[in-house]
Amino acid sequence: MTQILRFAQNDICFRSLPQYSTESAVRKMIQAAMRFVHSVLQNFYCTKSRLRTYTQIMEKITLNNKIECPVIGIGTFMLSPAEAENSVREALKMGYSLVDTANAYMNERACGRAIKSSGLKREEVFLSTKLWASEFENPNAVDETLERLGMDYVDLLYIHQPAGNWLSGYRLLEKAYREGKAKSIGISNFEGKYIEELETKWEIAPQFIQVEAHPYFTQKDLRKTLDKHGIRLMSWYPLGHGDKSLLEEEIFKTLGEKYGKSPAQVILRWHTQMGFVVIPGSKNVAHIKDNLNILDFTLTADEMAEIAKLDKGVRYYNRTDEQLAQFAAWQPEYEKA
């Protein structure tokens, strides 16, 4: 590149130009052209380098069916279609490759649009969604979900709640898995008696469970069951639902100063080192970027042990049987095509 620029500036360039061109005008024209070429090449190499860097550092876990999943992704809970589309689009630009959505979030079409406009190959994105309880007895639920996403398959398909005829919903997952419409399957919010019952009825064990998890509530009892079957945990409320008391714990401040990270980044790193997959959602592009910037440091065993002392066994969200009944009756209003 340097040689090309030097050659362009050499007087020989001007001697070979038509005589009616003035030297000063041509020199300006060449300098402008060089600036443009330099800018294009610089942007190309910077973009290529940035994407290569994120690809190299992204950590993945291997599921019980040998499929790999990134340890951190972009969540879309409580995001409008417009917000979800923007967040997913920007996240994929930064190097994210896991996107989590759901029937109930009513933004699946938006997530699909963002993925398609990203320029990434389908196999470069790990896409996760969830069937809502009102869809469990709909034989076309999976195909309708795929149509909204604009995809032929999803990488992970959950049933969202143990509400209504949830076993029928799980059978839809197993069918989708056998047909290749879901590369892996999961259960969401199936703790306690629900996963115990499902254990006795599943034909295909799930690869994931999505539940509330954070340093105040590490799901100790649940993880005993998960470990038996190689089921992975995906965390929601990973930062304690924005609880200041968790973010202001002294250990996270201390570790943040040590590693040059925020308390939130330290907590997200704790999740990944626990073996959890974490999907923090945001419509703030700066926060989305910060959430990804957690894989360049490692907490020591002693530091992980100190964080473990924070576990209170107390969750932020306590679902009731009455709510489960309401979930079964509620029908999401999907974004129109």
C-alpha atoms as a PDB file:
ATOM      1  CA  MET A   1       0.000   0.000   0.000  1.00  0.00           C
ATOM      2  CA  THR A   2       2.822   2.403   0.927  1.00  0.00           C
ATOM      3  CA  GLN A   3       4.582   1.739  -2.372  1.00  0.00           C
ATOM      4  CA  ILE A   4       1.395   2.461  -4.320  1.00  0.00           C
ATOM      5  CA  LEU A   5       0.925   5.789  -2.546  1.00  0.00           C
ATOM      6  CA  ARG A   6       4.540   6.802  -3.143  1.00  0.00           C
ATOM      7  CA  PHE A   7       4.315   5.895  -6.813  1.00  0.00           C
ATOM      8  CA  ALA A   8       1.158   7.941  -7.210  1.00  0.00           C
ATOM      9  CA  GLN A   9       2.967  10.972  -5.808  1.00  0.00           C
ATOM     10  CA  ASN A  10       5.981  10.571  -8.088  1.00  0.00           C
ATOM     11  CA  ASP A  11       6.431  13.141 -10.858  1.00  0.00           C
ATOM     12  CA  ILE A  12       6.434  10.398 -13.454  1.00  0.00           C
ATOM     13  CA  CYS A  13       2.680  10.154 -12.896  1.00  0.00           C
ATOM     14  CA  PHE A  14       2.235  13.699 -14.078  1.00  0.00           C
ATOM     15  CA  ARG A  15       4.538  13.371 -17.084  1.00  0.00           C
ATOM     16  CA  SER A  16       2.360  10.523 -18.375  1.00  0.00           C
ATOM     17  CA  LEU A  17      -0.908  12.503 -18.100  1.00  0.00           C
ATOM     18  CA  PRO A  18      -2.496  14.360 -21.037  1.00  0.00           C
ATOM     19  CA  GLN A  19      -0.897  17.772 -21.594  1.00  0.00           C
ATOM     20  CA  TYR A  20      -4.179  19.683 -21.177  1.00  0.00           C
ATOM     21  CA  SER A  21      -4.299  18.662 -17.447  1.00  0.00           C
ATOM     22  CA  THR A  22      -2.607  21.030 -15.056  1.00  0.00           C
ATOM     23  CA  GLU A  23      -0.207  19.524 -12.571  1.00  0.00           C
ATOM     24  CA  SER A  24      -1.881  21.101  -9.506  1.00  0.00           C
ATOM     25  CA  ALA A  25      -5.350  19.940 -10.487  1.00  0.00           C
ATOM     26  CA  VAL A  26      -4.204  16.409 -11.140  1.00  0.00           C
ATOM     27  CA  ARG A  27      -2.178  16.315  -7.934  1.00  0.00           C
ATOM     28  CA  LYS A  28      -5.291  17.277  -5.946  1.00  0.00           C
ATOM     29  CA  MET A  29      -7.324  14.655  -7.773  1.00  0.00           C
ATOM     30  CA  ILE A  30      -4.782  11.932  -7.012  1.00  0.00           C
ATOM     31  CA  GLN A  31      -4.466  12.975  -3.367  1.00  0.00           C
ATOM     32  CA  ALA A  32      -8.264  12.836  -2.967  1.00  0.00           C
ATOM     33  CA  ALA A  33      -8.325   9.398  -4.602  1.00  0.00           C
ATOM     34  CA  MET A  34      -5.544   8.189  -2.298  1.00  0.00           C
ATOM     35  CA  ARG A  35      -7.414   9.424   0.782  1.00  0.00           C
ATOM     36  CA  PHE A  36     -10.515   7.548  -0.351  1.00  0.00           C
ATOM     37  CA  VAL A  37      -8.606   4.303  -1.026  1.00  0.00           C
ATOM     38  CA  HIS A  38      -6.779   4.574   2.275  1.00  0.00           C
ATOM     39  CA  SER A  39     -10.065   5.089   4.139  1.00  0.00           C
ATOM     40  CA  VAL A  40     -11.706   2.089   2.477  1.00  0.00           C
ATOM     41  CA  LEU A  41      -8.751  -0.193   3.182  1.00  0.00           C
ATOM     42  CA  GLN A  42      -8.444   1.022   6.759  1.00  0.00           C
ATOM     43  CA  ASN A  43     -12.115   0.361   7.470  1.00  0.00           C
ATOM     44  CA  PHE A  44     -11.877  -3.073   5.835  1.00  0.00           C
ATOM     45  CA  TYR A  45      -8.869  -4.175   7.861  1.00  0.00           C
ATOM     46  CA  CYS A  46     -10.166  -2.691  11.122  1.00  0.00           C
ATOM     47  CA  THR A  47     -13.542  -4.401  10.706  1.00  0.00           C
ATOM     48  CA  LYS A  48     -11.911  -7.687   9.731  1.00  0.00           C
ATOM     49  CA  SER A  49      -9.549  -7.475  12.700  1.00  0.00           C
ATOM     50  CA  ARG A  50     -12.341  -6.616  15.144  1.00  0.00           C
ATOM     51  CA  LEU A  51     -14.537  -9.505  14.024  1.00  0.00           C
ATOM     52  CA  ARG A  52     -11.563 -11.871  14.055  1.00  0.00           C
ATOM     53  CA  THR A  53     -10.689 -10.823  17.616  1.00  0.00           C
ATOM     54  CA  TYR A  54     -14.208 -11.456  18.947  1.00  0.00           C
ATOM     55  CA  THR A  55     -14.386 -14.776  17.102  1.00  0.00           C
ATOM     56  CA  GLN A  56     -11.136 -15.880  18.695  1.00  0.00           C
ATOM     57  CA  ILE A  57     -12.108 -15.008  22.274  1.00  0.00           C
ATOM     58  CA  MET A  58     -15.745 -16.148  22.254  1.00  0.00           C
ATOM     59  CA  GLU A  59     -16.030 -19.097  24.606  1.00  0.00           C
ATOM     60  CA  LYS A  60     -18.466 -21.927  23.975  1.00  0.00           C
ATOM     61  CA  ILE A  61     -19.871 -24.814  25.952  1.00  0.00           C
ATOM     62  CA  THR A  62     -20.659 -28.258  24.582  1.00  0.00           C
ATOM     63  CA  LEU A  63     -24.183 -29.533  25.164  1.00  0.00           C
ATOM     64  CA  ASN A  64     -25.187 -33.108  25.978  1.00  0.00           C
ATOM     65  CA  ASN A  65     -25.872 -33.681  22.263  1.00  0.00           C
ATOM     66  CA  LYS A  66     -22.395 -32.383  21.271  1.00  0.00           C
ATOM     67  CA  ILE A  67     -23.680 -29.070  19.867  1.00  0.00           C
ATOM     68  CA  GLU A  68     -21.728 -25.968  20.890  1.00  0.00           C
ATOM     69  CA  CYS A  69     -23.315 -22.814  22.299  1.00  0.00           C
ATOM     70  CA  PRO A  70     -21.697 -19.409  23.022  1.00  0.00           C
ATOM     71  CA  VAL A  71     -21.466 -18.555  26.734  1.00  0.00           C
ATOM     72  CA  ILE A  72     -22.929 -15.078  26.323  1.00  0.00           C
ATOM     73  CA  GLY A  73     -25.733 -13.781  24.138  1.00  0.00           C
ATOM     74  CA  ILE A  74     -28.158 -10.936  23.658  1.00  0.00           C
ATOM     75  CA  GLY A  75     -31.522 -11.243  25.405  1.00  0.00           C
ATOM     76  CA  THR A  76     -34.667  -9.517  24.129  1.00  0.00           C
ATOM     77  CA  PHE A  77     -37.111  -9.791  27.036  1.00  0.00           C
ATOM     78  CA  MET A  78     -39.258  -6.651  27.407  1.00  0.00           C
ATOM     79  CA  LEU A  79     -37.947  -5.145  24.154  1.00  0.00           C
ATOM     80  CA  SER A  80     -40.384  -3.857  21.561  1.00  0.00           C
ATOM     81  CA  PRO A  81     -39.926  -5.145  17.995  1.00  0.00           C
ATOM     82  CA  ALA A  82     -38.076  -1.972  17.012  1.00  0.00           C
ATOM     83  CA  GLU A  83     -35.841  -2.134  20.087  1.00  0.00           C
ATOM     84  CA  ALA A  84     -35.171  -5.850  19.647  1.00  0.00           C
ATOM     85  CA  GLU A  85     -34.276  -5.429  15.985  1.00  0.00           C
ATOM     86  CA  ASN A  86     -31.825  -2.644  16.771  1.00  0.00           C
ATOM     87  CA  SER A  87     -30.272  -4.421  19.771  1.00  0.00           C
ATOM     88  CA  VAL A  88     -29.803  -7.705  17.912  1.00  0.00           C
ATOM     89  CA  ARG A  89     -28.429  -5.960  14.832  1.00  0.00           C
ATOM     90  CA  GLU A  90     -25.892  -3.993  16.872  1.00  0.00           C
ATOM     91  CA  ALA A  91     -24.977  -7.021  19.000  1.00  0.00           C
ATOM     92  CA  LEU A  92     -24.218  -9.136  15.949  1.00  0.00           C
ATOM     93  CA  LYS A  93     -21.990  -6.354  14.603  1.00  0.00           C
ATOM     94  CA  MET A  94     -20.005  -6.433  17.848  1.00  0.00           C
ATOM     95  CA  GLY A  95     -19.369 -10.154  17.752  1.00  0.00           C
ATOM     96  CA  TYR A  96     -22.324 -11.692  19.589  1.00  0.00           C
ATOM     97  CA  SER A  97     -23.562 -14.920  18.028  1.00  0.00           C
ATOM     98  CA  LEU A  98     -26.303 -16.028  20.465  1.00  0.00           C
ATOM     99  CA  VAL A  99     -29.757 -14.432  20.238  1.00  0.00           C
ATOM    100  CA  ASP A 100     -32.567 -15.294  22.664  1.00  0.00           C
ATOM    101  CA  THR A 101     -36.229 -14.490  22.020  1.00  0.00           C
ATOM    102  CA  ALA A 102     -39.651 -16.057  22.671  1.00  0.00           C
ATOM    103  CA  ASN A 103     -43.247 -16.239  21.464  1.00  0.00           C
ATOM    104  CA  ALA A 104     -44.215 -14.239  24.554  1.00  0.00           C
ATOM    105  CA  TYR A 105     -41.732 -11.435  23.836  1.00  0.00           C
ATOM    106  CA  MET A 106     -43.657 -10.738  20.612  1.00  0.00           C
ATOM    107  CA  ASN A 107     -40.462  -9.673  18.836  1.00  0.00           C
ATOM    108  CA  GLU A 108     -39.497 -12.852  16.953  1.00  0.00           C
ATOM    109  CA  ARG A 109     -40.035 -11.279  13.528  1.00  0.00           C
ATOM    110  CA  ALA A 110     -37.802  -8.375  14.525  1.00  0.00           C
ATOM    111  CA  CYS A 111     -35.037 -10.718  15.704  1.00  0.00           C
ATOM    112  CA  GLY A 112     -35.283 -12.643  12.447  1.00  0.00           C
ATOM    113  CA  ARG A 113     -34.984  -9.434  10.440  1.00  0.00           C
ATOM    114  CA  ALA A 114     -31.908  -8.369  12.375  1.00  0.00           C
ATOM    115  CA  ILE A 115     -30.204 -11.727  11.841  1.00  0.00           C
ATOM    116  CA  LYS A 116     -30.947 -11.714   8.111  1.00  0.00           C
ATOM    117  CA  SER A 117     -29.656  -8.156   7.677  1.00  0.00           C
ATOM    118  CA  SER A 118     -26.446  -8.913   9.586  1.00  0.00           C
ATOM    119  CA  GLY A 119     -24.740 -10.540   6.635  1.00  0.00           C
ATOM    120  CA  LEU A 120     -23.809 -13.520   8.805  1.00  0.00           C
ATOM    121  CA  LYS A 121     -24.389 -17.062   7.606  1.00  0.00           C
ATOM    122  CA  ARG A 122     -27.266 -18.832   9.335  1.00  0.00           C
ATOM    123  CA  GLU A 123     -24.890 -21.329  10.941  1.00  0.00           C
ATOM    124  CA  GLU A 124     -22.915 -18.468  12.495  1.00  0.00           C
ATOM    125  CA  VAL A 125     -25.843 -17.468  14.732  1.00  0.00           C
ATOM    126  CA  PHE A 126     -27.170 -19.569  17.620  1.00  0.00           C
ATOM    127  CA  LEU A 127     -30.869 -18.688  17.762  1.00  0.00           C
ATOM    128  CA  SER A 128     -33.001 -19.545  20.776  1.00  0.00           C
ATOM    129  CA  THR A 129     -36.768 -19.112  21.190  1.00  0.00           C
ATOM    130  CA  LYS A 130     -39.585 -20.445  23.356  1.00  0.00           C
ATOM    131  CA  LEU A 131     -43.090 -21.788  22.797  1.00  0.00           C
ATOM    132  CA  TRP A 132     -45.680 -20.074  24.967  1.00  0.00           C
ATOM    133  CA  ALA A 133     -48.198 -22.077  27.015  1.00  0.00           C
ATOM    134  CA  SER A 134     -51.133 -21.146  24.755  1.00  0.00           C
ATOM    135  CA  GLU A 135     -49.313 -22.889  21.885  1.00  0.00           C
ATOM    136  CA  PHE A 136     -48.675 -26.238  23.584  1.00  0.00           C
ATOM    137  CA  GLU A 137     -51.713 -27.910  21.994  1.00  0.00           C
ATOM    138  CA  ASN A 138     -51.228 -26.241  18.612  1.00  0.00           C
ATOM    139  CA  PRO A 139     -49.740 -28.875  16.261  1.00  0.00           C
ATOM    140  CA  ASN A 140     -48.455 -26.080  14.013  1.00  0.00           C
ATOM    141  CA  ALA A 141     -46.798 -24.082  16.797  1.00  0.00           C
ATOM    142  CA  VAL A 142     -43.236 -24.890  15.749  1.00  0.00           C
ATOM    143  CA  ASP A 143     -43.794 -24.150  12.064  1.00  0.00           C
ATOM    144  CA  GLU A 144     -45.586 -20.901  12.898  1.00  0.00           C
ATOM    145  CA  THR A 145     -42.694 -19.890  15.165  1.00  0.00           C
ATOM    146  CA  LEU A 146     -40.194 -20.612  12.407  1.00  0.00           C
ATOM    147  CA  GLU A 147     -42.303 -18.596   9.960  1.00  0.00           C
ATOM    148  CA  ARG A 148     -42.224 -15.577  12.289  1.00  0.00           C
ATOM    149  CA  LEU A 149     -38.458 -15.880  12.619  1.00  0.00           C
ATOM    150  CA  GLY A 150     -38.023 -16.411   8.897  1.00  0.00           C
ATOM    151  CA  MET A 151     -35.875 -19.489   9.595  1.00  0.00           C
ATOM    152  CA  ASP A 152     -35.874 -23.151   8.633  1.00  0.00           C
ATOM    153  CA  TYR A 153     -34.707 -24.189  12.088  1.00  0.00           C
ATOM    154  CA  VAL A 154     -33.728 -22.856  15.492  1.00  0.00           C
ATOM    155  CA  ASP A 155     -30.658 -23.858  17.443  1.00  0.00           C
ATOM    156  CA  LEU A 156     -32.584 -24.071  20.719  1.00  0.00           C
ATOM    157  CA  LEU A 157     -36.325 -24.389  21.337  1.00  0.00           C
ATOM    158  CA  TYR A 158     -37.822 -24.195  24.828  1.00  0.00           C
ATOM    159  CA  ILE A 159     -41.221 -24.557  26.380  1.00  0.00           C
ATOM    160  CA  HIS A 160     -41.533 -21.345  28.362  1.00  0.00           C
ATOM    161  CA  GLN A 161     -43.531 -22.246  31.474  1.00  0.00           C
ATOM    162  CA  PRO A 162     -44.871 -25.387  33.187  1.00  0.00           C
ATOM    163  CA  ALA A 163     -48.388 -24.122  32.509  1.00  0.00           C
ATOM    164  CA  GLY A 164     -51.379 -25.662  30.759  1.00  0.00           C
ATOM    165  CA  ASN A 165     -50.708 -28.924  28.945  1.00  0.00           C
ATOM    166  CA  TRP A 166     -46.945 -28.537  29.202  1.00  0.00           C
ATOM    167  CA  LEU A 167     -46.259 -32.206  28.443  1.00  0.00           C
ATOM    168  CA  SER A 168     -47.948 -31.747  25.074  1.00  0.00           C
ATOM    169  CA  GLY A 169     -45.650 -28.765  24.566  1.00  0.00           C
ATOM    170  CA  TYR A 170     -42.620 -30.871  25.373  1.00  0.00           C
ATOM    171  CA  ARG A 171     -43.720 -33.483  22.854  1.00  0.00           C
ATOM    172  CA  LEU A 172     -43.721 -30.706  20.222  1.00  0.00           C
ATOM    173  CA  LEU A 173     -40.095 -30.008  21.129  1.00  0.00           C
ATOM    174  CA  GLU A 174     -39.120 -33.649  20.810  1.00  0.00           C
ATOM    175  CA  LYS A 175     -40.842 -33.867  17.433  1.00  0.00           C
ATOM    176  CA  ALA A 176     -39.093 -30.702  16.237  1.00  0.00           C
ATOM    177  CA  TYR A 177     -35.769 -32.119  17.417  1.00  0.00           C
ATOM    178  CA  ARG A 178     -36.269 -35.364  15.506  1.00  0.00           C
ATOM    179  CA  GLU A 179     -37.251 -33.445  12.367  1.00  0.00           C
ATOM    180  CA  GLY A 180     -34.242 -31.127  12.536  1.00  0.00           C
ATOM    181  CA  LYS A 181     -36.353 -28.034  13.139  1.00  0.00           C
ATOM    182  CA  ALA A 182     -34.704 -27.595  16.550  1.00  0.00           C
ATOM    183  CA  LYS A 183     -31.026 -28.487  16.950  1.00  0.00           C
ATOM    184  CA  SER A 184     -31.459 -28.621  20.727  1.00  0.00           C
ATOM    185  CA  ILE A 185     -34.379 -28.328  23.146  1.00  0.00           C
ATOM    186  CA  GLY A 186     -34.940 -26.880  26.588  1.00  0.00           C
ATOM    187  CA  ILE A 187     -37.263 -26.101  29.451  1.00  0.00           C
ATOM    188  CA  SER A 188     -37.753 -22.713  31.041  1.00  0.00           C
ATOM    189  CA  ASN A 189     -38.773 -22.173  34.678  1.00  0.00           C
ATOM    190  CA  PHE A 190     -39.148 -25.947  35.281  1.00  0.00           C
ATOM    191  CA  GLU A 191     -37.744 -26.145  38.782  1.00  0.00           C
ATOM    192  CA  GLY A 192     -38.653 -28.448  41.654  1.00  0.00           C
ATOM    193  CA  LYS A 193     -41.587 -30.792  41.094  1.00  0.00           C
ATOM    194  CA  TYR A 194     -41.869 -29.869  37.417  1.00  0.00           C
ATOM    195  CA  ILE A 195     -38.453 -31.093  36.335  1.00  0.00           C
ATOM    196  CA  GLU A 196     -38.861 -34.116  38.619  1.00  0.00           C
ATOM    197  CA  GLU A 197     -42.044 -35.089  36.795  1.00  0.00           C
ATOM    198  CA  LEU A 198     -40.578 -34.363  33.376  1.00  0.00           C
ATOM    199  CA  GLU A 199     -37.598 -36.612  34.169  1.00  0.00           C
ATOM    200  CA  THR A 200     -39.977 -39.556  34.277  1.00  0.00           C
ATOM    201  CA  LYS A 201     -41.731 -38.640  31.013  1.00  0.00           C
ATOM    202  CA  TRP A 202     -39.230 -37.253  28.544  1.00  0.00           C
ATOM    203  CA  GLU A 203     -38.196 -39.327  25.543  1.00  0.00           C
ATOM    204  CA  ILE A 204     -35.332 -36.948  24.770  1.00  0.00           C
ATOM    205  CA  ALA A 205     -33.550 -35.201  27.633  1.00  0.00           C
ATOM    206  CA  PRO A 206     -33.337 -31.415  27.265  1.00  0.00           C
ATOM    207  CA  GLN A 207     -30.052 -29.669  26.587  1.00  0.00           C
ATOM    208  CA  PHE A 208     -30.907 -26.493  28.504  1.00  0.00           C
ATOM    209  CA  ILE A 209     -32.967 -25.075  31.309  1.00  0.00           C
ATOM    210  CA  GLN A 210     -33.502 -21.321  31.552  1.00  0.00           C
ATOM    211  CA  VAL A 211     -34.078 -20.073  35.095  1.00  0.00           C
ATOM    212  CA  GLU A 212     -33.343 -17.208  37.436  1.00  0.00           C
ATOM    213  CA  ALA A 213     -29.731 -17.362  38.603  1.00  0.00           C
ATOM    214  CA  HIS A 214     -27.263 -14.867  40.096  1.00  0.00           C
ATOM    215  CA  PRO A 215     -24.764 -14.770  43.002  1.00  0.00           C
ATOM    216  CA  TYR A 216     -27.605 -14.409  45.543  1.00  0.00           C
ATOM    217  CA  PHE A 217     -29.398 -17.450  44.070  1.00  0.00           C
ATOM    218  CA  THR A 218     -27.119 -20.021  42.437  1.00  0.00           C
ATOM    219  CA  GLN A 219     -29.672 -22.833  41.980  1.00  0.00           C
ATOM    220  CA  LYS A 220     -27.693 -25.328  44.077  1.00  0.00           C
ATOM    221  CA  ASP A 221     -30.472 -27.919  44.384  1.00  0.00           C
ATOM    222  CA  LEU A 222     -31.517 -27.696  40.754  1.00  0.00           C
ATOM    223  CA  ARG A 223     -27.935 -28.098  39.559  1.00  0.00           C
ATOM    224  CA  LYS A 224     -27.739 -31.534  41.176  1.00  0.00           C
ATOM    225  CA  THR A 225     -30.461 -32.740  38.818  1.00  0.00           C
ATOM    226  CA  LEU A 226     -28.955 -30.925  35.842  1.00  0.00           C
ATOM    227  CA  ASP A 227     -25.546 -32.502  36.408  1.00  0.00           C
ATOM    228  CA  LYS A 228     -27.060 -35.996  36.264  1.00  0.00           C
ATOM    229  CA  HIS A 229     -28.229 -35.417  32.687  1.00  0.00           C
ATOM    230  CA  GLY A 230     -25.666 -32.934  31.422  1.00  0.00           C
ATOM    231  CA  ILE A 231     -28.333 -30.226  31.154  1.00  0.00           C
ATOM    232  CA  ARG A 232     -26.921 -26.698  30.926  1.00  0.00           C
ATOM    233  CA  LEU A 233     -28.258 -23.654  32.745  1.00  0.00           C
ATOM    234  CA  MET A 234     -29.051 -20.369  30.996  1.00  0.00           C
ATOM    235  CA  SER A 235     -29.472 -17.483  33.437  1.00  0.00           C
ATOM    236  CA  TRP A 236     -32.159 -14.856  33.481  1.00  0.00           C
ATOM    237  CA  TYR A 237     -32.014 -11.955  35.977  1.00  0.00           C
ATOM    238  CA  PRO A 238     -28.227 -12.500  35.787  1.00  0.00           C
ATOM    239  CA  LEU A 239     -27.555  -9.186  37.520  1.00  0.00           C
ATOM    240  CA  GLY A 240     -30.219  -9.650  40.173  1.00  0.00           C
ATOM    241  CA  HIS A 241     -32.895  -7.706  38.302  1.00  0.00           C
ATOM    242  CA  GLY A 242     -30.816  -4.555  38.690  1.00  0.00           C
ATOM    243  CA  ASP A 243     -30.625  -4.885  42.487  1.00  0.00           C
ATOM    244  CA  LYS A 244     -28.157  -2.236  43.690  1.00  0.00           C
ATOM    245  CA  SER A 245     -27.278  -4.255  46.777  1.00  0.00           C
ATOM    246  CA  LEU A 246     -25.902  -7.049  44.573  1.00  0.00           C
ATOM    247  CA  LEU A 247     -24.014  -4.716  42.251  1.00  0.00           C
ATOM    248  CA  GLU A 248     -22.599  -2.817  45.234  1.00  0.00           C
ATOM    249  CA  GLU A 249     -21.266  -5.865  47.059  1.00  0.00           C
ATOM    250  CA  GLU A 250     -17.701  -5.047  48.109  1.00  0.00           C
ATOM    251  CA  ILE A 251     -16.191  -8.066  46.398  1.00  0.00           C
ATOM    252  CA  PHE A 252     -17.454  -6.957  42.990  1.00  0.00           C
ATOM    253  CA  LYS A 253     -16.047  -3.469  43.505  1.00  0.00           C
ATOM    254  CA  THR A 254     -12.679  -4.910  44.556  1.00  0.00           C
ATOM    255  CA  LEU A 255     -12.501  -7.366  41.670  1.00  0.00           C
ATOM    256  CA  GLY A 256     -13.667  -4.688  39.251  1.00  0.00           C
ATOM    257  CA  GLU A 257     -10.749  -2.473  40.293  1.00  0.00           C
ATOM    258  CA  LYS A 258      -8.332  -5.392  39.993  1.00  0.00           C
ATOM    259  CA  TYR A 259      -9.403  -6.377  36.484  1.00  0.00           C
ATOM    260  CA  GLY A 260     -10.451  -2.977  35.156  1.00  0.00           C
ATOM    261  CA  LYS A 261     -14.092  -4.020  34.911  1.00  0.00           C
ATOM    262  CA  SER A 262     -17.442  -2.856  36.267  1.00  0.00           C
ATOM    263  CA  PRO A 263     -19.213  -4.865  38.996  1.00  0.00           C
ATOM    264  CA  ALA A 264     -21.763  -5.956  36.379  1.00  0.00           C
ATOM    265  CA  GLN A 265     -19.005  -7.295  34.124  1.00  0.00           C
ATOM    266  CA  VAL A 266     -17.479  -9.224  37.029  1.00  0.00           C
ATOM    267  CA  ILE A 267     -20.868 -10.803  37.803  1.00  0.00           C
ATOM    268  CA  LEU A 268     -21.403 -11.794  34.161  1.00  0.00           C
ATOM    269  CA  ARG A 269     -17.939 -13.367  34.128  1.00  0.00           C
ATOM    270  CA  TRP A 270     -18.839 -15.269  37.305  1.00  0.00           C
ATOM    271  CA  HIS A 271     -21.835 -16.736  35.427  1.00  0.00           C
ATOM    272  CA  THR A 272     -19.714 -18.028  32.562  1.00  0.00           C
ATOM    273  CA  GLN A 273     -17.138 -19.521  34.953  1.00  0.00           C
ATOM    274  CA  MET A 274     -19.964 -21.259  36.799  1.00  0.00           C
ATOM    275  CA  GLY A 275     -20.674 -22.986  33.491  1.00  0.00           C
ATOM    276  CA  PHE A 276     -23.837 -20.953  32.912  1.00  0.00           C
ATOM    277  CA  VAL A 277     -24.828 -19.277  29.661  1.00  0.00           C
ATOM    278  CA  VAL A 278     -25.888 -15.693  30.219  1.00  0.00           C
ATOM    279  CA  ILE A 279     -28.187 -13.535  28.072  1.00  0.00           C
ATOM    280  CA  PRO A 280     -28.342  -9.963  29.424  1.00  0.00           C
ATOM    281  CA  GLY A 281     -30.736  -7.822  27.448  1.00  0.00           C
ATOM    282  CA  SER A 282     -30.525  -4.102  26.791  1.00  0.00           C
ATOM    283  CA  LYS A 283     -31.604  -1.451  24.328  1.00  0.00           C
ATOM    284  CA  ASN A 284     -28.552   0.609  25.278  1.00  0.00           C
ATOM    285  CA  VAL A 285     -25.825  -0.090  22.714  1.00  0.00           C
ATOM    286  CA  ALA A 286     -23.040   0.898  25.129  1.00  0.00           C
ATOM    287  CA  HIS A 287     -24.323  -1.611  27.697  1.00  0.00           C
ATOM    288  CA  ILE A 288     -24.567  -4.321  25.038  1.00  0.00           C
ATOM    289  CA  LYS A 289     -20.920  -3.710  24.172  1.00  0.00           C
ATOM    290  CA  ASP A 290     -19.834  -3.747  27.828  1.00  0.00           C
ATOM    291  CA  ASN A 291     -21.701  -7.000  28.480  1.00  0.00           C
ATOM    292  CA  LEU A 292     -19.674  -8.743  25.781  1.00  0.00           C
ATOM    293  CA  ASN A 293     -16.368  -7.400  27.067  1.00  0.00           C
ATOM    294  CA  ILE A 294     -15.963  -9.994  29.842  1.00  0.00           C
ATOM    295  CA  LEU A 295     -13.908 -12.759  28.287  1.00  0.00           C
ATOM    296  CA  ASP A 296     -10.457 -11.190  28.590  1.00  0.00           C
ATOM    297  CA  PHE A 297     -10.005 -11.948  32.299  1.00  0.00           C
ATOM    298  CA  THR A 298     -10.480 -14.971  34.548  1.00  0.00           C
ATOM    299  CA  LEU A 299     -11.546 -15.019  38.185  1.00  0.00           C
ATOM    300  CA  THR A 300      -9.338 -17.180  40.368  1.00  0.00           C
ATOM    301  CA  ALA A 301     -10.627 -20.189  42.315  1.00  0.00           C
ATOM    302  CA  ASP A 302     -10.299 -18.191  45.547  1.00  0.00           C
ATOM    303  CA  GLU A 303     -12.288 -15.315  44.057  1.00  0.00           C
ATOM    304  CA  MET A 304     -15.018 -17.682  42.889  1.00  0.00           C
ATOM    305  CA  ALA A 305     -15.114 -19.165  46.403  1.00  0.00           C
ATOM    306  CA  GLU A 306     -15.564 -15.704  47.917  1.00  0.00           C
ATOM    307  CA  ILE A 307     -18.435 -14.929  45.568  1.00  0.00           C
ATOM    308  CA  ALA A 308     -20.038 -18.271  46.497  1.00  0.00           C
ATOM    309  CA  LYS A 309     -20.412 -16.974  50.065  1.00  0.00           C
ATOM    310  CA  LEU A 310     -22.989 -14.444  48.797  1.00  0.00           C
ATOM    311  CA  ASP A 311     -25.515 -17.175  47.976  1.00  0.00           C
ATOM    312  CA  LYS A 312     -28.651 -16.531  50.079  1.00  0.00           C
ATOM    313  CA  GLY A 313     -30.851 -19.056  48.333  1.00  0.00           C
ATOM    314  CA  VAL A 314     -33.351 -16.251  47.738  1.00  0.00           C
ATOM    315  CA  ARG A 315     -34.884 -15.443  44.359  1.00  0.00           C
ATOM    316  CA  TYR A 316     -36.359 -12.161  43.126  1.00  0.00           C
ATOM    317  CA  TYR A 317     -39.278 -13.683  41.220  1.00  0.00           C
ATOM    318  CA  ASN A 318     -41.665 -16.060  42.942  1.00  0.00           C
ATOM    319  CA  ARG A 319     -44.247 -17.505  40.585  1.00  0.00           C
ATOM    320  CA  THR A 320     -47.625 -18.664  41.909  1.00  0.00           C
ATOM    321  CA  ASP A 321     -50.065 -21.348  40.745  1.00  0.00           C
ATOM    322  CA  GLU A 322     -52.522 -18.567  39.981  1.00  0.00           C
ATOM    323  CA  GLN A 323     -50.006 -17.008  37.607  1.00  0.00           C
ATOM    324  CA  LEU A 324     -49.466 -20.348  35.875  1.00  0.00           C
ATOM    325  CA  ALA A 325     -53.197 -20.528  35.206  1.00  0.00           C
ATOM    326  CA  GLN A 326     -53.105 -17.001  33.783  1.00  0.00           C
ATOM    327  CA  PHE A 327     -50.139 -17.922  31.588  1.00  0.00           C
ATOM    328  CA  ALA A 328     -52.064 -20.839  30.090  1.00  0.00           C
ATOM    329  CA  ALA A 329     -54.973 -18.540  29.192  1.00  0.00           C
ATOM    330  CA  TRP A 330     -52.947 -15.655  27.744  1.00  0.00           C
ATOM    331  CA  GLN A 331     -52.381 -15.457  23.983  1.00  0.00           C
ATOM    332  CA  PRO A 332     -49.493 -13.270  22.747  1.00  0.00           C
ATOM    333  CA  GLU A 333     -50.312 -10.704  20.076  1.00  0.00           C
ATOM    334  CA  TYR A 334     -47.635 -11.451  17.508  1.00  0.00           C
ATOM    335  CA  GLU A 335     -46.129  -8.802  15.265  1.00  0.00           C
ATOM    336  CA  LYS A 336     -47.802  -8.889  11.878  1.00  0.00           C
ATOM    337  CA  ALA A 337     -45.800  -9.869   8.798  1.00  0.00           C
END
